[in-house]
Protein backbone atom coordinates (compact mmCIF):
# COMPACT_ATOMS: atom_id res chain seq x y z
CA MET A 1 12.03 123.00 98.64
CA PRO A 2 13.14 125.68 96.00
CA ARG A 3 16.07 123.41 95.08
CA THR A 4 13.57 120.56 94.41
CA VAL A 5 11.44 122.78 92.17
CA LYS A 6 14.46 123.70 90.10
CA GLN A 7 15.51 120.13 89.69
CA ILE A 8 12.05 119.13 88.54
CA VAL A 9 11.91 122.01 85.97
CA LEU A 10 15.33 121.24 84.60
CA ALA A 11 14.58 117.47 84.42
CA ILE A 12 11.48 118.18 82.30
CA TYR A 13 13.46 120.57 80.06
CA HIS A 14 16.29 118.15 79.43
CA ALA A 15 13.99 115.27 78.79
CA ALA A 16 11.34 116.90 76.64
CA VAL A 17 12.24 120.30 75.37
CA GLU A 18 16.07 120.11 74.78
CA PRO A 19 15.94 117.17 72.29
CA LEU A 20 13.36 119.01 70.16
CA ALA A 21 15.42 122.20 70.35
CA ALA A 22 18.51 120.19 69.20
CA LEU A 23 16.75 118.99 66.08
CA ALA A 24 15.19 122.37 65.28
CA ARG A 25 18.33 124.49 65.73
CA ARG A 26 21.18 122.26 64.65
CA ARG A 27 21.36 123.12 60.89
CA LYS A 28 21.29 126.87 61.54
CA ARG A 29 23.67 126.78 64.37
CA LEU A 30 26.28 124.62 62.63
CA ALA A 31 26.12 126.95 59.66
CA MET A 32 27.55 129.66 61.95
CA PHE A 33 30.90 127.78 61.94
CA GLU A 34 33.33 127.24 59.07
CA ARG A 35 33.19 123.70 57.77
CA ARG A 36 36.48 121.79 57.97
CA GLY A 37 36.82 118.90 55.57
CA GLU A 38 34.42 116.10 54.75
CA ALA A 39 34.31 114.58 58.28
CA TRP A 40 32.63 117.49 59.97
CA PRO A 41 32.07 118.06 62.85
CA PRO A 42 35.31 116.29 63.66
CA GLU A 43 35.33 113.30 66.01
CA ILE A 44 37.28 113.80 69.31
CA ALA A 45 37.95 110.63 71.28
CA VAL A 46 38.60 111.02 75.01
CA ARG A 47 38.86 108.91 78.16
CA ALA A 48 36.67 109.89 81.01
CA LEU A 49 36.46 107.07 83.47
CA ARG A 50 38.69 106.47 86.45
CA ALA A 51 42.17 105.32 85.43
CA ARG A 52 44.20 102.61 87.18
CA ASP A 53 46.77 105.09 88.29
CA CYS A 54 44.30 107.31 90.14
CA PRO A 55 45.21 107.75 93.79
CA PRO A 56 42.96 106.00 96.53
CA ARG A 57 41.51 109.44 97.37
CA CYS A 58 40.16 109.99 93.85
CA LYS A 59 36.41 110.67 94.04
CA ALA A 60 35.61 109.76 90.46
CA ASP A 61 33.06 106.96 89.97
CA PRO A 62 34.85 104.25 87.99
CA HIS A 63 31.65 103.05 86.28
CA ARG A 64 29.59 106.20 85.56
CA ILE A 65 29.77 109.34 83.36
CA GLU A 66 27.84 112.31 84.73
CA GLY A 67 24.56 112.91 83.00
CA VAL A 68 25.54 116.34 81.84
CA VAL A 69 28.42 114.90 79.83
CA ALA A 70 26.43 111.96 78.64
CA ARG A 71 24.06 114.38 76.81
CA TYR A 72 26.83 115.22 74.44
CA LEU A 73 27.85 111.67 73.39
CA GLY A 74 26.91 109.91 70.14
CA VAL A 75 25.22 112.86 68.34
CA ARG A 76 25.58 111.04 65.01
CA ARG A 77 23.86 107.87 66.28
CA ARG A 78 21.22 109.66 68.18
CA PRO A 79 20.11 112.90 66.35
CA SER A 80 18.34 114.27 69.51
CA ARG A 81 21.66 114.49 71.29
CA LEU A 82 23.40 117.87 71.58
CA THR A 83 26.36 118.87 69.47
CA PRO A 84 29.17 119.83 71.89
CA LEU A 85 31.22 122.96 71.49
CA ILE A 86 34.88 122.19 72.13
CA VAL A 87 38.40 123.65 72.01
CA ASP A 88 40.62 120.86 70.80
CA LEU A 89 43.87 121.61 72.55
CA ASP A 90 45.82 119.20 70.30
CA ARG A 91 45.41 121.85 67.51
CA TYR A 92 47.34 124.42 69.44
CA PRO A 93 50.98 123.83 70.44
CA THR A 94 51.18 127.05 72.38
CA ASN A 95 48.80 129.69 73.83
CA ALA A 96 50.19 132.12 71.13
CA ALA A 97 48.99 129.77 68.38
CA PHE A 98 45.51 129.73 70.01
CA GLU A 99 45.33 133.46 70.27
CA SER A 100 46.43 133.78 66.64
CA TYR A 101 43.45 131.65 65.65
CA VAL A 102 41.08 133.66 67.76
CA ARG A 103 42.22 136.82 66.07
CA LYS A 104 41.17 135.40 62.74
CA ARG A 105 37.69 134.98 64.02
CA SER A 106 37.43 138.32 65.85
CA SER A 107 39.90 141.22 66.02
CA ARG A 108 38.12 142.70 69.01
CA THR A 109 38.06 139.80 71.42
CA LEU A 110 41.64 139.83 72.87
CA PRO A 111 41.72 143.71 73.06
CA LYS A 112 38.65 143.46 75.29
CA VAL A 113 40.52 140.97 77.53
CA ARG A 114 43.46 143.40 77.81
CA ARG A 115 41.13 146.26 78.63
CA ALA A 116 39.52 144.26 81.52
CA GLN A 117 43.06 143.67 82.83
CA ARG A 118 43.84 147.37 82.72
CA LEU A 119 40.73 148.05 84.70
CA GLY A 120 42.12 145.86 87.52
CA TYR A 121 40.23 142.63 87.09
CA GLN A 122 42.19 139.51 87.77
CA ALA A 123 41.45 135.85 87.13
CA LYS A 124 42.59 133.09 89.48
CA ARG A 125 41.58 129.81 91.22
CA PHE A 126 39.64 130.00 94.53
CA PRO A 127 38.08 127.69 97.11
CA LEU A 128 34.31 127.90 96.86
CA ALA A 129 33.87 128.13 100.66
CA ARG A 130 35.85 131.45 100.60
CA HIS A 131 33.35 133.21 98.26
CA VAL A 132 29.97 131.59 98.83
CA HIS A 133 28.17 134.97 99.30
CA ASP A 134 29.76 136.40 96.17
CA VAL A 135 28.79 133.38 94.11
CA HIS A 136 25.25 133.70 95.32
CA ALA A 137 25.24 137.39 94.44
CA VAL A 138 26.46 136.56 90.91
CA LYS A 139 23.85 133.86 90.40
CA THR A 140 21.03 136.11 91.54
CA SER A 141 22.12 139.35 89.76
CA MET A 142 20.00 138.92 86.63
CA LYS A 143 16.49 137.51 85.87
CA ARG A 144 17.42 136.53 82.32
CA ARG A 145 20.62 135.38 80.58
CA ALA A 146 21.65 133.91 77.32
CA PHE A 147 20.01 130.63 78.23
CA GLY A 148 16.69 132.32 79.15
CA LEU A 149 15.03 132.86 82.49
CA VAL A 150 17.33 132.24 85.50
CA LEU A 151 15.52 130.11 88.04
CA ASP A 152 18.20 130.90 90.64
CA TYR A 153 17.10 134.57 90.64
CA TRP A 154 13.98 133.45 92.53
CA LEU A 155 14.81 130.12 94.06
CA LEU A 156 18.47 130.06 95.06
CA ARG A 157 19.37 130.21 98.80
CA LEU A 158 22.76 130.85 100.15
CA GLU A 159 22.95 127.32 101.57
CA ASP A 160 22.29 125.97 98.04
CA VAL A 161 25.60 127.45 96.87
CA GLY A 162 27.69 125.90 99.61
CA LYS A 163 28.85 126.16 103.20
CA PRO A 164 30.69 129.52 103.82
CA ALA A 165 34.00 129.48 105.49
CA VAL A 166 34.11 130.80 109.12
CA LYS A 167 37.83 131.51 108.91
CA PRO A 168 40.31 132.33 106.11
CA VAL A 169 40.79 129.33 103.76
CA ALA A 170 43.38 128.77 101.04
CA TRP A 171 43.05 126.94 97.75
CA ARG A 172 44.23 123.27 97.92
CA THR A 173 45.49 121.04 95.19
CA PRO A 174 42.98 118.29 94.26
CA PRO A 175 44.09 114.73 95.30
CA CYS A 176 43.69 113.33 91.73
CA ARG A 177 45.29 114.97 88.69
CA ARG A 178 42.79 113.23 86.20
CA HIS A 179 39.54 113.87 88.01
CA TRP A 180 38.83 117.10 89.89
CA THR A 181 36.45 120.00 90.39
CA MET A 182 37.94 123.39 90.51
CA TRP A 183 36.57 127.00 90.74
CA TRP A 184 38.14 129.89 88.84
CA GLY A 185 36.93 133.46 89.29
CA VAL A 186 37.44 137.05 88.26
CA PHE A 187 38.22 139.40 91.15
CA VAL A 188 38.45 143.06 91.70
CA SER A 189 40.24 144.59 94.71
CA GLU A 190 37.83 145.89 97.41
CA PRO A 191 39.50 146.45 100.81
CA GLY A 192 37.11 145.52 103.68
CA HIS A 193 34.87 143.35 101.54
CA ALA A 194 33.68 140.41 103.56
CA GLN A 195 31.98 137.04 103.17
CA GLY A 196 29.97 136.79 106.34
CA ALA A 197 32.37 137.30 109.18
CA VAL A 198 35.50 136.75 107.06
CA THR A 199 37.17 139.72 105.43
CA VAL A 200 38.60 138.94 102.02
CA ASP A 201 39.43 142.38 100.63
CA GLU A 202 38.32 141.41 97.08
CA ARG A 203 35.03 140.86 95.32
CA LEU A 204 34.27 137.87 93.02
CA VAL A 205 32.43 139.23 89.93
CA ALA A 206 32.51 136.14 87.65
CA TYR A 207 33.19 132.42 88.13
CA VAL A 208 33.40 129.11 86.40
CA LYS A 209 33.17 125.65 87.85
CA LEU A 210 35.71 123.43 85.99
CA VAL A 211 35.21 119.71 86.03
CA ARG A 212 37.99 117.45 84.74
CA ARG A 213 37.08 113.90 83.78
CA GLY A 214 40.12 112.13 82.27
CA ASP A 215 41.03 113.75 79.00
CA PHE A 216 38.59 116.61 78.93
CA ILE A 217 37.52 119.63 80.99
CA HIS A 218 33.92 120.73 81.20
CA TYR A 219 32.73 124.31 81.86
CA ALA A 220 29.92 123.11 84.20
CA ASP A 221 28.78 126.49 85.45
CA LEU A 222 29.95 129.82 84.01
CA MET A 223 28.48 133.13 85.07
CA GLY A 224 29.21 136.79 85.61
CA HIS A 225 27.65 139.49 87.71
CA GLY A 226 25.25 141.65 85.70
CA ASP A 227 27.00 144.82 86.89
CA HIS A 228 30.38 143.74 85.48
CA LEU A 229 29.52 141.87 82.20
CA ASN A 230 30.12 145.01 80.07
CA GLU A 231 33.67 145.03 81.29
CA ASN A 232 34.41 141.77 79.43
CA VAL A 233 35.09 139.73 82.62
CA MET A 234 33.83 136.59 80.98
CA ALA A 235 36.35 136.80 78.15
CA LEU A 236 39.13 137.49 80.59
CA LEU A 237 38.19 134.39 82.66
CA HIS A 238 38.08 132.11 79.62
CA PHE A 239 41.31 133.23 78.08
CA GLU A 240 43.22 133.11 81.36
CA ILE A 241 42.04 129.47 81.74
CA MET A 242 43.14 128.74 78.18
CA ARG A 243 46.50 130.22 78.92
CA TRP A 244 46.87 127.99 81.99
CA LEU A 245 45.88 124.91 79.95
CA LEU A 246 48.11 125.70 76.90
CA ASP A 247 51.14 126.62 78.98
CA ARG A 248 51.01 122.92 80.00
CA GLU A 249 53.17 123.54 83.08
CA ASP A 250 50.66 122.57 85.83
CA PRO A 251 50.55 118.78 86.46
CA LEU A 252 46.77 119.23 86.93
CA VAL A 253 46.33 119.85 83.24
CA GLU A 254 48.67 117.18 81.91
CA GLY A 255 46.93 115.07 79.29
CA VAL A 256 43.92 117.31 78.83
CA ARG A 257 42.72 116.95 75.21
CA ALA A 258 39.66 119.12 75.02
CA VAL A 259 37.58 121.82 76.72
CA LEU A 260 33.81 121.46 76.53
CA TYR A 261 31.40 124.30 76.99
CA GLY A 262 27.79 123.44 76.27
CA ALA A 263 26.30 122.77 72.88
CA ALA A 264 25.67 124.51 69.60
CA GLU A 265 21.89 124.10 70.07
CA GLN A 266 21.83 125.77 73.50
CA GLY A 267 20.97 129.36 74.31
CA GLY A 268 20.56 132.26 71.85
CA ASP A 269 22.58 133.02 68.69
CA GLY A 270 24.52 135.66 70.75
CA LEU A 271 25.84 133.03 73.12
CA VAL A 272 26.92 130.73 70.26
CA THR A 273 28.69 133.79 68.64
CA TRP A 274 30.54 134.46 71.89
CA LYS A 275 31.72 130.85 72.05
CA LYS A 276 32.82 130.95 68.41
CA ARG A 277 34.94 134.01 69.08
CA ALA A 278 36.34 132.30 72.16
CA GLY A 279 37.69 129.49 69.98
CA PHE A 280 35.03 126.81 70.48
CA GLU A 281 33.92 124.70 67.59
CA PRO A 282 31.33 121.92 66.98
CA ALA A 283 32.68 118.34 67.49
CA ARG A 284 31.53 114.76 68.00
CA LEU A 285 32.63 113.57 71.40
CA THR A 286 33.25 109.84 71.72
CA LEU A 287 34.59 107.87 74.68
CA ILE A 288 37.52 105.48 74.69
CA GLU A 289 36.51 102.67 77.00
CA GLU A 290 38.96 102.00 79.90
CA SER A 291 39.89 98.36 80.44
């Protein structure tokens, strides 16, 4: 029942409130970013549908783009659409080049990441079943965030997050390199910490659900525990993911063109400022149709 209430509220928001917010906020929000040339925001063309070379076990729907991504398409043709904030990986040949660009926007961002590392926080991939209890704790740790009131604070049940593991589980490589869902988290060592009956000896304090669809990756769910946000765990998580992507060594990131995290019109000014300092920029996302 709580899950149904949340879905109804979000459906009304996305259908009626969000389009009006996009129109009202767009000019101010885009002014927060440096304009680049005449064709701005730039157009980034990506492929998202299932490719012919996907393995039989690929779970991507060959005929449908998820609604959350569809909301970011065609903003020029449909003004009520959102303006996606994107890191265009083609602009950065190495992670060092990306970090150099970030330093020009903010001299304090990367030192904060290093400080989090010195405090013992580590970012890595994890199977959701291994940390269902911790994810629930993160989601329900604050009543209000940058996007506004957090419905999960009141409505989220443990079973809504996922099915907890009943024995130790390890992370497994997705069956398809072009279409996958993956969880990354920030952890701190805590001997004896358990998830139900399974002892994991570490606590998850921030997480992101990454969704790859062809040429782009979407931050579908990014959140940190309220007790750890001041330790810059969110910046640590983002920049470790960017390092993984820009090292370009893992077959799972081969061919990724862009990283998408929400829209310029969403949330408060503080959230947009954080995204700007993290290297995100406005863009126009268009799809290349697969034959």
